[in-house]
Amino acid sequence: MRNTVKQKLITLVQLLFVLIFIVFEEIIWEGIAKPFYTWVHSLKALEKIEAWLQKVNATAILVIFVLMLVFVELLGIYAGVLFVSGKLLLGITIYASKIPIAAFTFWMFRVTEEKLMQFGWFRWIYEKTMIAIDWLKSLEIYQNTMKRLKKTKEHFRVFKRKYFSQDSPFIAKMKKLYSGIKQVLKR
């Protein structure tokens, strides 16, 4: 009996971690931050910043990176506090404002990764973080949740193609209805 309760509690905690990770990875990273990161990475102006960063010593890079990372995380925590306190719109605004800073911070990490990894403690934290993410992704509960999420995404894509593509009968009917209403209103 006691092991069953313990197992259920462990499963619940794992599910909580998995859901939090999926929300951040699938919705926030894939849906919002990654496209922004790709856009930031494509900016020609960043070539000058990248060249400058290559000349800066590793300690200065570390300080800049850590300050930016802490700032981004504090914005996220503050946004969470606002959500919990019922100030949803302000929380969403604060969270949305952190996305460009986070994208720039991820870009900076990729550009200066070699310099940052010169610090043993930084490399250790990075490696442990990657191990934790790999462990999370290896959990059965994560894999099952991702399978369900992929099925749901595919159903959504089919629904979207069926009803909201330019040549769908639904869109044609809506356009015809709109034209009819427009004609009636002109009279």
Protein backbone atom coordinates (compact mmCIF):
# COMPACT_ATOMS: atom_id res chain seq x y z
CA MET A 1 0.00 0.00 0.00
CA ARG A 2 2.75 2.44 0.98
CA ASN A 3 4.74 1.75 -2.21
CA THR A 4 1.66 2.42 -4.31
CA VAL A 5 1.20 5.86 -2.76
CA LYS A 6 4.93 6.55 -3.15
CA GLN A 7 4.82 5.44 -6.81
CA LYS A 8 1.79 7.61 -7.52
CA LEU A 9 3.49 10.60 -5.89
CA ILE A 10 6.66 10.04 -7.93
CA THR A 11 4.58 9.72 -11.11
CA LEU A 12 2.70 12.91 -10.26
CA VAL A 13 5.96 14.83 -9.70
CA GLN A 14 7.38 13.45 -12.97
CA LEU A 15 4.19 14.45 -14.80
CA LEU A 16 4.44 17.95 -13.36
CA PHE A 17 8.06 18.30 -14.55
CA VAL A 18 7.18 16.86 -17.95
CA LEU A 19 4.21 19.21 -18.42
CA ILE A 20 6.25 22.26 -17.39
CA PHE A 21 9.05 21.21 -19.74
CA ILE A 22 6.64 20.57 -22.62
CA VAL A 23 4.93 23.94 -22.13
CA PHE A 24 8.28 25.70 -22.25
CA GLU A 25 9.75 23.63 -25.06
CA GLU A 26 6.74 23.12 -27.32
CA ILE A 27 4.74 26.27 -26.82
CA ILE A 28 7.15 28.96 -25.70
CA TRP A 29 10.38 27.82 -27.39
CA GLU A 30 9.07 26.19 -30.58
CA GLY A 31 6.09 28.48 -31.06
CA ILE A 32 7.47 31.85 -30.04
CA ALA A 33 11.12 32.03 -29.04
CA LYS A 34 12.70 29.81 -31.73
CA PRO A 35 11.22 31.79 -34.65
CA PHE A 36 12.36 34.96 -32.90
CA TYR A 37 15.81 33.43 -32.28
CA THR A 38 16.05 32.48 -35.96
CA TRP A 39 15.09 36.02 -36.94
CA VAL A 40 17.64 37.52 -34.50
CA HIS A 41 20.29 35.14 -35.80
CA SER A 42 19.61 36.28 -39.38
CA LEU A 43 20.14 39.98 -38.66
CA LYS A 44 23.15 41.44 -40.44
CA ALA A 45 23.73 43.88 -37.58
CA LEU A 46 24.60 40.94 -35.33
CA GLU A 47 27.61 40.10 -37.49
CA LYS A 48 29.37 43.17 -36.03
CA ILE A 49 28.37 42.20 -32.49
CA GLU A 50 29.56 38.64 -33.13
CA ALA A 51 32.92 39.91 -34.40
CA TRP A 52 33.20 42.13 -31.32
CA LEU A 53 32.32 39.24 -28.99
CA GLN A 54 35.10 37.15 -30.51
CA LYS A 55 37.59 39.84 -29.40
CA VAL A 56 36.25 40.17 -25.84
CA ASN A 57 37.89 38.08 -23.13
CA ALA A 58 36.08 35.08 -21.65
CA THR A 59 35.49 36.65 -18.23
CA ALA A 60 33.71 39.67 -19.71
CA ILE A 61 31.62 37.35 -21.92
CA LEU A 62 30.68 35.32 -18.85
CA VAL A 63 29.64 38.41 -16.88
CA ILE A 64 27.54 39.76 -19.77
CA PHE A 65 25.93 36.37 -20.40
CA VAL A 66 25.16 35.67 -16.73
CA LEU A 67 23.68 39.15 -16.22
CA MET A 68 21.46 38.75 -19.28
CA LEU A 69 20.40 35.25 -18.22
CA VAL A 70 19.59 36.37 -14.67
CA PHE A 71 17.63 39.36 -16.00
CA VAL A 72 15.61 37.12 -18.35
CA GLU A 73 14.87 34.63 -15.58
CA LEU A 74 13.87 37.38 -13.15
CA LEU A 75 11.47 38.75 -15.76
CA GLY A 76 9.96 35.27 -16.08
CA ILE A 77 9.58 34.93 -12.31
CA TYR A 78 8.05 38.39 -12.05
CA ALA A 79 5.63 37.55 -14.87
CA GLY A 80 4.69 34.37 -12.99
CA VAL A 81 4.05 36.36 -9.82
CA LEU A 82 1.83 38.71 -11.81
CA PHE A 83 -0.09 35.75 -13.28
CA VAL A 84 -0.69 34.27 -9.84
CA SER A 85 -1.76 37.61 -8.40
CA GLY A 86 -4.40 37.99 -11.11
CA LYS A 87 -2.65 40.60 -13.25
CA LEU A 88 -2.77 38.43 -16.37
CA LEU A 89 -2.38 41.09 -19.03
CA LEU A 90 0.62 42.69 -17.32
CA GLY A 91 2.12 39.24 -16.73
CA ILE A 92 1.71 38.32 -20.40
CA THR A 93 3.23 41.66 -21.44
CA ILE A 94 6.25 41.20 -19.16
CA TYR A 95 6.70 37.61 -20.31
CA ALA A 96 6.42 38.62 -23.97
CA SER A 97 8.99 41.37 -23.43
CA LYS A 98 11.50 38.83 -22.16
CA ILE A 99 11.35 36.77 -25.37
CA PRO A 100 13.59 39.04 -27.50
CA ILE A 101 16.10 39.29 -24.64
CA ALA A 102 16.05 35.51 -24.21
CA ALA A 103 16.51 35.00 -27.96
CA PHE A 104 19.49 37.35 -27.94
CA THR A 105 20.89 35.55 -24.87
CA PHE A 106 20.57 32.13 -26.59
CA TRP A 107 22.23 33.58 -29.68
CA MET A 108 25.05 34.98 -27.55
CA PHE A 109 25.50 31.60 -25.87
CA ARG A 110 25.87 29.85 -29.23
CA VAL A 111 28.31 32.48 -30.51
CA THR A 112 30.47 32.46 -27.36
CA GLU A 113 29.95 28.87 -26.19
CA GLU A 114 33.63 27.99 -26.58
CA LYS A 115 34.67 30.88 -24.33
CA LEU A 116 31.96 30.15 -21.76
CA MET A 117 32.96 26.49 -21.55
CA GLN A 118 36.46 27.53 -20.45
CA PHE A 119 35.00 27.96 -16.97
CA GLY A 120 34.84 24.55 -15.32
CA TRP A 121 31.88 25.37 -13.09
CA PHE A 122 29.93 26.76 -16.06
CA ARG A 123 30.67 23.65 -18.17
CA TRP A 124 29.62 21.47 -15.21
CA ILE A 125 26.28 23.29 -14.82
CA TYR A 126 25.66 23.12 -18.57
CA GLU A 127 26.45 19.40 -18.72
CA LYS A 128 24.25 18.62 -15.67
CA THR A 129 21.42 20.63 -17.23
CA MET A 130 21.72 18.65 -20.47
CA ILE A 131 21.78 15.37 -18.49
CA ALA A 132 18.63 16.44 -16.61
CA ILE A 133 16.86 17.29 -19.90
CA ASP A 134 17.92 13.97 -21.43
CA TRP A 135 16.65 12.15 -18.31
CA LEU A 136 13.34 13.98 -18.50
CA LYS A 137 12.98 13.12 -22.19
CA SER A 138 13.76 9.46 -21.46
CA LEU A 139 10.85 9.12 -19.04
CA GLU A 140 7.97 7.00 -20.30
CA ILE A 141 5.51 9.64 -19.19
CA TYR A 142 7.32 12.26 -21.34
CA GLN A 143 7.40 10.01 -24.38
CA ASN A 144 3.72 9.10 -24.04
CA THR A 145 2.76 12.74 -23.56
CA MET A 146 4.76 13.75 -26.64
CA LYS A 147 3.07 11.02 -28.71
CA ARG A 148 -0.33 12.36 -27.66
CA LEU A 149 0.76 15.92 -28.36
CA LYS A 150 1.99 14.98 -31.85
CA LYS A 151 -1.36 13.26 -32.60
CA THR A 152 -3.20 16.33 -31.36
CA LYS A 153 -1.03 18.61 -33.51
CA GLU A 154 -1.73 16.44 -36.55
CA HIS A 155 -5.48 16.53 -35.91
CA PHE A 156 -5.24 20.30 -35.60
CA ARG A 157 -3.31 20.54 -38.89
CA VAL A 158 -5.94 18.42 -40.66
CA PHE A 159 -8.73 20.56 -39.16
CA LYS A 160 -6.90 23.73 -40.18
CA ARG A 161 -6.33 22.50 -43.76
CA LYS A 162 -9.91 21.29 -44.06
CA TYR A 163 -11.63 24.39 -42.75
CA PHE A 164 -9.20 27.29 -43.04
CA SER A 165 -7.16 26.78 -46.20
CA GLN A 166 -7.88 29.28 -48.97
CA ASP A 167 -9.60 26.70 -51.16
CA SER A 168 -11.71 25.03 -48.46
CA PRO A 169 -15.50 24.89 -48.92
CA PHE A 170 -15.87 26.40 -45.44
CA ILE A 171 -13.86 29.51 -46.37
CA ALA A 172 -15.75 29.77 -49.69
CA LYS A 173 -19.07 29.67 -47.79
CA MET A 174 -17.84 32.27 -45.31
CA LYS A 175 -16.72 34.58 -48.13
CA LYS A 176 -20.07 34.15 -49.88
CA LEU A 177 -21.90 34.87 -46.61
CA TYR A 178 -19.73 37.94 -46.03
CA SER A 179 -20.42 39.20 -49.57
CA GLY A 180 -24.16 38.68 -49.05
CA ILE A 181 -24.14 40.57 -45.75
CA LYS A 182 -22.11 43.34 -47.36
CA GLN A 183 -24.65 43.64 -50.21
CA VAL A 184 -27.56 43.79 -47.75
CA LEU A 185 -25.84 46.48 -45.71
CA LYS A 186 -25.16 48.62 -48.80
CA ARG A 187 -28.92 48.90 -49.53
